[in-house]
Amino acid sequence: MYLSQANSFITCLLAQNPKDQDATRLRGKVAQKESLFEKQLSIVKKILANTNEDVWESLLETEELQEYKFIPNEWRVNAGQGR
């Protein structure tokens, strides 16, 4: 979410002044962070896809994941399609 907000802000800065070198550098830094994030997220999705079904079900029943079940389930299903 913060990377998206940073991108939006940088886009505004560059719309105001396309020659803004600081904004251009920031765009590069944010792009690097997005790339690293996506790489790590891909690893997490593969782990989810390969998690034993019994373990997976017990994880989803934990209090910490009750409100967020949908997202990891979607990641698991989508990552599993590549198996």
PDB file of N, CA and C in Angstrom:
ATOM      1  N   MET A   1       0.824  -1.185   0.000  1.00  0.00           N
ATOM      2  CA  MET A   1       0.000   0.000   0.000  1.00  0.00           C
ATOM      3  C   MET A   1       0.876   1.260   0.000  1.00  0.00           C
ATOM      4  N   TYR A   2       1.934   1.257   0.815  1.00  0.00           N
ATOM      5  CA  TYR A   2       2.792   2.435   0.885  1.00  0.00           C
ATOM      6  C   TYR A   2       3.573   2.643  -0.404  1.00  0.00           C
ATOM      7  N   LEU A   3       3.952   1.552  -1.061  1.00  0.00           N
ATOM      8  CA  LEU A   3       4.651   1.681  -2.339  1.00  0.00           C
ATOM      9  C   LEU A   3       3.733   2.317  -3.374  1.00  0.00           C
ATOM     10  N   SER A   4       2.481   1.942  -3.358  1.00  0.00           N
ATOM     11  CA  SER A   4       1.510   2.518  -4.282  1.00  0.00           C
ATOM     12  C   SER A   4       1.329   4.014  -4.021  1.00  0.00           C
ATOM     13  N   GLN A   5       1.247   4.375  -2.748  1.00  0.00           N
ATOM     14  CA  GLN A   5       1.106   5.787  -2.394  1.00  0.00           C
ATOM     15  C   GLN A   5       2.346   6.571  -2.798  1.00  0.00           C
ATOM     16  N   ALA A   6       3.510   5.981  -2.591  1.00  0.00           N
ATOM     17  CA  ALA A   6       4.756   6.642  -2.984  1.00  0.00           C
ATOM     18  C   ALA A   6       4.781   6.860  -4.493  1.00  0.00           C
ATOM     19  N   ASN A   7       4.370   5.855  -5.246  1.00  0.00           N
ATOM     20  CA  ASN A   7       4.320   5.990  -6.702  1.00  0.00           C
ATOM     21  C   ASN A   7       3.373   7.098  -7.128  1.00  0.00           C
ATOM     22  N   SER A   8       2.230   7.163  -6.501  1.00  0.00           N
ATOM     23  CA  SER A   8       1.258   8.213  -6.841  1.00  0.00           C
ATOM     24  C   SER A   8       1.826   9.595  -6.557  1.00  0.00           C
ATOM     25  N   PHE A   9       2.483   9.725  -5.413  1.00  0.00           N
ATOM     26  CA  PHE A   9       3.067  11.011  -5.049  1.00  0.00           C
ATOM     27  C   PHE A   9       4.163  11.413  -6.045  1.00  0.00           C
ATOM     28  N   ILE A  10       5.017  10.455  -6.388  1.00  0.00           N
ATOM     29  CA  ILE A  10       6.103  10.740  -7.330  1.00  0.00           C
ATOM     30  C   ILE A  10       5.544  11.098  -8.704  1.00  0.00           C
ATOM     31  N   THR A  11       4.472  10.429  -9.105  1.00  0.00           N
ATOM     32  CA  THR A  11       3.827  10.746 -10.380  1.00  0.00           C
ATOM     33  C   THR A  11       3.332  12.191 -10.377  1.00  0.00           C
ATOM     34  N   CYS A  12       2.773  12.618  -9.266  1.00  0.00           N
ATOM     35  CA  CYS A  12       2.318  14.013  -9.149  1.00  0.00           C
ATOM     36  C   CYS A  12       3.492  14.981  -9.245  1.00  0.00           C
ATOM     37  N   LEU A  13       4.587  14.648  -8.552  1.00  0.00           N
ATOM     38  CA  LEU A  13       5.769  15.507  -8.606  1.00  0.00           C
ATOM     39  C   LEU A  13       6.282  15.642 -10.040  1.00  0.00           C
ATOM     40  N   LEU A  14       6.332  14.519 -10.748  1.00  0.00           N
ATOM     41  CA  LEU A  14       6.834  14.546 -12.120  1.00  0.00           C
ATOM     42  C   LEU A  14       5.851  15.200 -13.082  1.00  0.00           C
ATOM     43  N   ALA A  15       4.561  15.131 -12.792  1.00  0.00           N
ATOM     44  CA  ALA A  15       3.572  15.821 -13.629  1.00  0.00           C
ATOM     45  C   ALA A  15       3.738  17.330 -13.480  1.00  0.00           C
ATOM     46  N   GLN A  16       4.081  17.741 -12.268  1.00  0.00           N
ATOM     47  CA  GLN A  16       4.291  19.164 -11.993  1.00  0.00           C
ATOM     48  C   GLN A  16       5.580  19.648 -12.633  1.00  0.00           C
ATOM     49  N   ASN A  17       6.624  18.794 -12.582  1.00  0.00           N
ATOM     50  CA  ASN A  17       7.922  19.182 -13.141  1.00  0.00           C
ATOM     51  C   ASN A  17       8.630  17.934 -13.657  1.00  0.00           C
ATOM     52  N   PRO A  18       8.483  17.633 -14.944  1.00  0.00           N
ATOM     53  CA  PRO A  18       9.099  16.426 -15.509  1.00  0.00           C
ATOM     54  C   PRO A  18      10.629  16.387 -15.387  1.00  0.00           C
ATOM     55  N   LYS A  19      11.243  17.517 -15.125  1.00  0.00           N
ATOM     56  CA  LYS A  19      12.701  17.565 -15.010  1.00  0.00           C
ATOM     57  C   LYS A  19      13.185  17.452 -13.564  1.00  0.00           C
ATOM     58  N   ASP A  20      12.296  17.160 -12.643  1.00  0.00           N
ATOM     59  CA  ASP A  20      12.631  17.047 -11.222  1.00  0.00           C
ATOM     60  C   ASP A  20      13.518  15.814 -10.996  1.00  0.00           C
ATOM     61  N   GLN A  21      14.808  16.061 -10.834  1.00  0.00           N
ATOM     62  CA  GLN A  21      15.771  14.963 -10.682  1.00  0.00           C
ATOM     63  C   GLN A  21      15.572  14.197  -9.374  1.00  0.00           C
ATOM     64  N   ASP A  22      15.172  14.891  -8.327  1.00  0.00           N
ATOM     65  CA  ASP A  22      14.926  14.203  -7.051  1.00  0.00           C
ATOM     66  C   ASP A  22      13.763  13.221  -7.187  1.00  0.00           C
ATOM     67  N   ALA A  23      12.716  13.647  -7.856  1.00  0.00           N
ATOM     68  CA  ALA A  23      11.564  12.766  -8.062  1.00  0.00           C
ATOM     69  C   ALA A  23      11.954  11.581  -8.938  1.00  0.00           C
ATOM     70  N   THR A  24      12.783  11.817  -9.924  1.00  0.00           N
ATOM     71  CA  THR A  24      13.245  10.735 -10.792  1.00  0.00           C
ATOM     72  C   THR A  24      14.047   9.713  -9.997  1.00  0.00           C
ATOM     73  N   ARG A  25      14.911  10.186  -9.110  1.00  0.00           N
ATOM     74  CA  ARG A  25      15.682   9.269  -8.254  1.00  0.00           C
ATOM     75  C   ARG A  25      14.752   8.494  -7.324  1.00  0.00           C
ATOM     76  N   LEU A  26      13.773   9.187  -6.768  1.00  0.00           N
ATOM     77  CA  LEU A  26      12.814   8.513  -5.899  1.00  0.00           C
ATOM     78  C   LEU A  26      12.046   7.429  -6.659  1.00  0.00           C
ATOM     79  N   ARG A  27      11.681   7.722  -7.893  1.00  0.00           N
ATOM     80  CA  ARG A  27      10.980   6.733  -8.710  1.00  0.00           C
ATOM     81  C   ARG A  27      11.824   5.464  -8.849  1.00  0.00           C
ATOM     82  N   GLY A  28      13.117   5.645  -9.068  1.00  0.00           N
ATOM     83  CA  GLY A  28      14.017   4.502  -9.178  1.00  0.00           C
ATOM     84  C   GLY A  28      14.102   3.709  -7.886  1.00  0.00           C
ATOM     85  N   LYS A  29      14.177   4.406  -6.756  1.00  0.00           N
ATOM     86  CA  LYS A  29      14.243   3.721  -5.457  1.00  0.00           C
ATOM     87  C   LYS A  29      12.965   2.941  -5.175  1.00  0.00           C
ATOM     88  N   VAL A  30      11.837   3.548  -5.474  1.00  0.00           N
ATOM     89  CA  VAL A  30      10.556   2.871  -5.250  1.00  0.00           C
ATOM     90  C   VAL A  30      10.443   1.658  -6.176  1.00  0.00           C
ATOM     91  N   ALA A  31      10.886   1.794  -7.403  1.00  0.00           N
ATOM     92  CA  ALA A  31      10.836   0.665  -8.346  1.00  0.00           C
ATOM     93  C   ALA A  31      11.694  -0.495  -7.840  1.00  0.00           C
ATOM     94  N   GLN A  32      12.849  -0.198  -7.258  1.00  0.00           N
ATOM     95  CA  GLN A  32      13.704  -1.245  -6.692  1.00  0.00           C
ATOM     96  C   GLN A  32      12.990  -1.953  -5.541  1.00  0.00           C
ATOM     97  N   LYS A  33      12.370  -1.177  -4.678  1.00  0.00           N
ATOM     98  CA  LYS A  33      11.655  -1.757  -3.532  1.00  0.00           C
ATOM     99  C   LYS A  33      10.474  -2.591  -3.999  1.00  0.00           C
ATOM    100  N   GLU A  34       9.764  -2.125  -5.017  1.00  0.00           N
ATOM    101  CA  GLU A  34       8.646  -2.904  -5.564  1.00  0.00           C
ATOM    102  C   GLU A  34       9.135  -4.235  -6.132  1.00  0.00           C
ATOM    103  N   SER A  35      10.240  -4.188  -6.817  1.00  0.00           N
ATOM    104  CA  SER A  35      10.804  -5.401  -7.397  1.00  0.00           C
ATOM    105  C   SER A  35      11.186  -6.405  -6.314  1.00  0.00           C
ATOM    106  N   LEU A  36      11.842  -5.927  -5.271  1.00  0.00           N
ATOM    107  CA  LEU A  36      12.223  -6.798  -4.162  1.00  0.00           C
ATOM    108  C   LEU A  36      10.981  -7.361  -3.470  1.00  0.00           C
ATOM    109  N   PHE A  37       9.996  -6.513  -3.254  1.00  0.00           N
ATOM    110  CA  PHE A  37       8.750  -6.955  -2.622  1.00  0.00           C
ATOM    111  C   PHE A  37       8.086  -8.058  -3.450  1.00  0.00           C
ATOM    112  N   GLU A  38       7.971  -7.853  -4.748  1.00  0.00           N
ATOM    113  CA  GLU A  38       7.325  -8.839  -5.620  1.00  0.00           C
ATOM    114  C   GLU A  38       8.095 -10.154  -5.615  1.00  0.00           C
ATOM    115  N   LYS A  39       9.410 -10.081  -5.590  1.00  0.00           N
ATOM    116  CA  LYS A  39      10.227 -11.290  -5.547  1.00  0.00           C
ATOM    117  C   LYS A  39       9.971 -12.067  -4.256  1.00  0.00           C
ATOM    118  N   GLN A  40       9.953 -11.368  -3.133  1.00  0.00           N
ATOM    119  CA  GLN A  40       9.708 -12.021  -1.843  1.00  0.00           C
ATOM    120  C   GLN A  40       8.282 -12.552  -1.752  1.00  0.00           C
ATOM    121  N   LEU A  41       7.342 -11.809  -2.273  1.00  0.00           N
ATOM    122  CA  LEU A  41       5.943 -12.255  -2.265  1.00  0.00           C
ATOM    123  C   LEU A  41       5.777 -13.526  -3.096  1.00  0.00           C
ATOM    124  N   SER A  42       6.481 -13.599  -4.196  1.00  0.00           N
ATOM    125  CA  SER A  42       6.441 -14.801  -5.029  1.00  0.00           C
ATOM    126  C   SER A  42       6.941 -16.018  -4.261  1.00  0.00           C
ATOM    127  N   ILE A  43       7.983 -15.837  -3.466  1.00  0.00           N
ATOM    128  CA  ILE A  43       8.511 -16.928  -2.638  1.00  0.00           C
ATOM    129  C   ILE A  43       7.464 -17.370  -1.619  1.00  0.00           C
ATOM    130  N   VAL A  44       6.817 -16.402  -0.977  1.00  0.00           N
ATOM    131  CA  VAL A  44       5.782 -16.712   0.017  1.00  0.00           C
ATOM    132  C   VAL A  44       4.632 -17.478  -0.644  1.00  0.00           C
ATOM    133  N   LYS A  45       4.215 -17.052  -1.819  1.00  0.00           N
ATOM    134  CA  LYS A  45       3.116 -17.717  -2.519  1.00  0.00           C
ATOM    135  C   LYS A  45       3.465 -19.167  -2.852  1.00  0.00           C
ATOM    136  N   LYS A  46       4.713 -19.410  -3.245  1.00  0.00           N
ATOM    137  CA  LYS A  46       5.133 -20.785  -3.537  1.00  0.00           C
ATOM    138  C   LYS A  46       5.103 -21.634  -2.271  1.00  0.00           C
ATOM    139  N   ILE A  47       5.527 -21.058  -1.160  1.00  0.00           N
ATOM    140  CA  ILE A  47       5.485 -21.788   0.116  1.00  0.00           C
ATOM    141  C   ILE A  47       4.042 -22.116   0.474  1.00  0.00           C
ATOM    142  N   LEU A  48       3.150 -21.158   0.295  1.00  0.00           N
ATOM    143  CA  LEU A  48       1.737 -21.403   0.585  1.00  0.00           C
ATOM    144  C   LEU A  48       1.177 -22.508  -0.299  1.00  0.00           C
ATOM    145  N   ALA A  49       1.535 -22.487  -1.557  1.00  0.00           N
ATOM    146  CA  ALA A  49       1.023 -23.489  -2.490  1.00  0.00           C
ATOM    147  C   ALA A  49       1.497 -24.893  -2.130  1.00  0.00           C
ATOM    148  N   ASN A  50       2.663 -24.971  -1.507  1.00  0.00           N
ATOM    149  CA  ASN A  50       3.232 -26.283  -1.177  1.00  0.00           C
ATOM    150  C   ASN A  50       2.982 -26.715   0.269  1.00  0.00           C
ATOM    151  N   THR A  51       2.213 -25.928   1.000  1.00  0.00           N
ATOM    152  CA  THR A  51       1.913 -26.272   2.385  1.00  0.00           C
ATOM    153  C   THR A  51       0.900 -27.405   2.440  1.00  0.00           C
ATOM    154  N   ASN A  52       1.167 -28.374   3.288  1.00  0.00           N
ATOM    155  CA  ASN A  52       0.275 -29.521   3.492  1.00  0.00           C
ATOM    156  C   ASN A  52      -1.129 -29.016   3.831  1.00  0.00           C
ATOM    157  N   GLU A  53      -2.132 -29.630   3.263  1.00  0.00           N
ATOM    158  CA  GLU A  53      -3.531 -29.189   3.436  1.00  0.00           C
ATOM    159  C   GLU A  53      -3.957 -29.133   4.905  1.00  0.00           C
ATOM    160  N   ASP A  54      -3.572 -30.129   5.698  1.00  0.00           N
ATOM    161  CA  ASP A  54      -3.935 -30.134   7.123  1.00  0.00           C
ATOM    162  C   ASP A  54      -3.300 -28.959   7.862  1.00  0.00           C
ATOM    163  N   VAL A  55      -2.043 -28.709   7.561  1.00  0.00           N
ATOM    164  CA  VAL A  55      -1.335 -27.579   8.181  1.00  0.00           C
ATOM    165  C   VAL A  55      -1.987 -26.269   7.748  1.00  0.00           C
ATOM    166  N   TRP A  56      -2.308 -26.193   6.463  1.00  0.00           N
ATOM    167  CA  TRP A  56      -2.928 -24.985   5.921  1.00  0.00           C
ATOM    168  C   TRP A  56      -4.251 -24.675   6.626  1.00  0.00           C
ATOM    169  N   GLU A  57      -5.087 -25.681   6.754  1.00  0.00           N
ATOM    170  CA  GLU A  57      -6.388 -25.480   7.404  1.00  0.00           C
ATOM    171  C   GLU A  57      -6.226 -25.029   8.848  1.00  0.00           C
ATOM    172  N   SER A  58      -5.270 -25.599   9.562  1.00  0.00           N
ATOM    173  CA  SER A  58      -5.074 -25.189  10.960  1.00  0.00           C
ATOM    174  C   SER A  58      -4.517 -23.769  11.043  1.00  0.00           C
ATOM    175  N   LEU A  59      -3.698 -23.378  10.072  1.00  0.00           N
ATOM    176  CA  LEU A  59      -3.195 -21.994  10.048  1.00  0.00           C
ATOM    177  C   LEU A  59      -4.333 -20.999   9.851  1.00  0.00           C
ATOM    178  N   LEU A  60      -5.237 -21.341   8.952  1.00  0.00           N
ATOM    179  CA  LEU A  60      -6.349 -20.428   8.666  1.00  0.00           C
ATOM    180  C   LEU A  60      -7.307 -20.281   9.845  1.00  0.00           C
ATOM    181  N   GLU A  61      -7.290 -21.231  10.722  1.00  0.00           N
ATOM    182  CA  GLU A  61      -8.176 -21.166  11.882  1.00  0.00           C
ATOM    183  C   GLU A  61      -7.578 -20.367  13.039  1.00  0.00           C
ATOM    184  N   THR A  62      -6.326 -19.932  12.912  1.00  0.00           N
ATOM    185  CA  THR A  62      -5.725 -19.141  13.985  1.00  0.00           C
ATOM    186  C   THR A  62      -6.389 -17.775  14.049  1.00  0.00           C
ATOM    187  N   GLU A  63      -6.391 -17.220  15.224  1.00  0.00           N
ATOM    188  CA  GLU A  63      -7.023 -15.919  15.438  1.00  0.00           C
ATOM    189  C   GLU A  63      -6.393 -14.835  14.566  1.00  0.00           C
ATOM    190  N   GLU A  64      -5.071 -14.904  14.393  1.00  0.00           N
ATOM    191  CA  GLU A  64      -4.354 -13.875  13.626  1.00  0.00           C
ATOM    192  C   GLU A  64      -4.773 -13.831  12.159  1.00  0.00           C
ATOM    193  N   LEU A  65      -5.189 -14.957  11.616  1.00  0.00           N
ATOM    194  CA  LEU A  65      -5.547 -14.996  10.191  1.00  0.00           C
ATOM    195  C   LEU A  65      -7.045 -14.974   9.920  1.00  0.00           C
ATOM    196  N   GLN A  66      -7.853 -14.951  10.949  1.00  0.00           N
ATOM    197  CA  GLN A  66      -9.307 -15.002  10.763  1.00  0.00           C
ATOM    198  C   GLN A  66      -9.819 -13.911   9.820  1.00  0.00           C
ATOM    199  N   GLU A  67      -9.328 -12.705   9.989  1.00  0.00           N
ATOM    200  CA  GLU A  67      -9.827 -11.599   9.175  1.00  0.00           C
ATOM    201  C   GLU A  67      -9.201 -11.556   7.785  1.00  0.00           C
ATOM    202  N   TYR A  68      -8.130 -12.333   7.583  1.00  0.00           N
ATOM    203  CA  TYR A  68      -7.367 -12.212   6.346  1.00  0.00           C
ATOM    204  C   TYR A  68      -7.339 -13.496   5.526  1.00  0.00           C
ATOM    205  N   LYS A  69      -8.204 -14.431   5.803  1.00  0.00           N
ATOM    206  CA  LYS A  69      -8.189 -15.739   5.132  1.00  0.00           C
ATOM    207  C   LYS A  69      -8.250 -15.635   3.615  1.00  0.00           C
ATOM    208  N   PHE A  70      -9.051 -14.735   3.124  1.00  0.00           N
ATOM    209  CA  PHE A  70      -9.299 -14.669   1.688  1.00  0.00           C
ATOM    210  C   PHE A  70      -8.012 -14.463   0.889  1.00  0.00           C
ATOM    211  N   ILE A  71      -7.206 -13.506   1.301  1.00  0.00           N
ATOM    212  CA  ILE A  71      -6.001 -13.168   0.533  1.00  0.00           C
ATOM    213  C   ILE A  71      -5.012 -14.336   0.468  1.00  0.00           C
ATOM    214  N   PRO A  72      -4.601 -14.924   1.607  1.00  0.00           N
ATOM    215  CA  PRO A  72      -3.667 -16.051   1.478  1.00  0.00           C
ATOM    216  C   PRO A  72      -4.271 -17.248   0.742  1.00  0.00           C
ATOM    217  N   ASN A  73      -5.578 -17.437   0.863  1.00  0.00           N
ATOM    218  CA  ASN A  73      -6.223 -18.512   0.101  1.00  0.00           C
ATOM    219  C   ASN A  73      -6.114 -18.256  -1.396  1.00  0.00           C
ATOM    220  N   GLU A  74      -6.356 -17.032  -1.808  1.00  0.00           N
ATOM    221  CA  GLU A  74      -6.232 -16.678  -3.220  1.00  0.00           C
ATOM    222  C   GLU A  74      -4.795 -16.851  -3.701  1.00  0.00           C
ATOM    223  N   TRP A  75      -3.841 -16.400  -2.892  1.00  0.00           N
ATOM    224  CA  TRP A  75      -2.430 -16.571  -3.248  1.00  0.00           C
ATOM    225  C   TRP A  75      -2.107 -18.045  -3.419  1.00  0.00           C
ATOM    226  N   ARG A  76      -2.592 -18.846  -2.490  1.00  0.00           N
ATOM    227  CA  ARG A  76      -2.304 -20.281  -2.526  1.00  0.00           C
ATOM    228  C   ARG A  76      -2.904 -20.924  -3.779  1.00  0.00           C
ATOM    229  N   VAL A  77      -4.136 -20.595  -4.074  1.00  0.00           N
ATOM    230  CA  VAL A  77      -4.795 -21.156  -5.258  1.00  0.00           C
ATOM    231  C   VAL A  77      -4.065 -20.721  -6.534  1.00  0.00           C
ATOM    232  N   ASN A  78      -3.778 -19.440  -6.645  1.00  0.00           N
ATOM    233  CA  ASN A  78      -3.116 -18.924  -7.849  1.00  0.00           C
ATOM    234  C   ASN A  78      -1.690 -19.448  -8.007  1.00  0.00           C
ATOM    235  N   ALA A  79      -0.968 -19.558  -6.913  1.00  0.00           N
ATOM    236  CA  ALA A  79       0.398 -20.080  -6.979  1.00  0.00           C
ATOM    237  C   ALA A  79       0.376 -21.560  -7.307  1.00  0.00           C
ATOM    238  N   GLY A  80      -0.630 -22.262  -6.832  1.00  0.00           N
ATOM    239  CA  GLY A  80      -0.746 -23.693  -7.078  1.00  0.00           C
ATOM    240  C   GLY A  80      -1.060 -24.028  -8.524  1.00  0.00           C
ATOM    241  N   GLN A  81      -1.591 -23.077  -9.265  1.00  0.00           N
ATOM    242  CA  GLN A  81      -1.921 -23.314 -10.667  1.00  0.00           C
ATOM    243  C   GLN A  81      -0.666 -23.529 -11.506  1.00  0.00           C
ATOM    244  N   GLY A  82       0.466 -23.009 -11.011  1.00  0.00           N
ATOM    245  CA  GLY A  82       1.715 -23.161 -11.754  1.00  0.00           C
ATOM    246  C   GLY A  82       2.440 -24.453 -11.446  1.00  0.00           C
ATOM    247  N   ARG A  83       1.888 -25.256 -10.515  1.00  0.00           N
ATOM    248  CA  ARG A  83       2.557 -26.515 -10.139  1.00  0.00           C
ATOM    249  C   ARG A  83       2.427 -27.544 -11.217  1.00  0.00           C
TER     250      ARG A  83
END
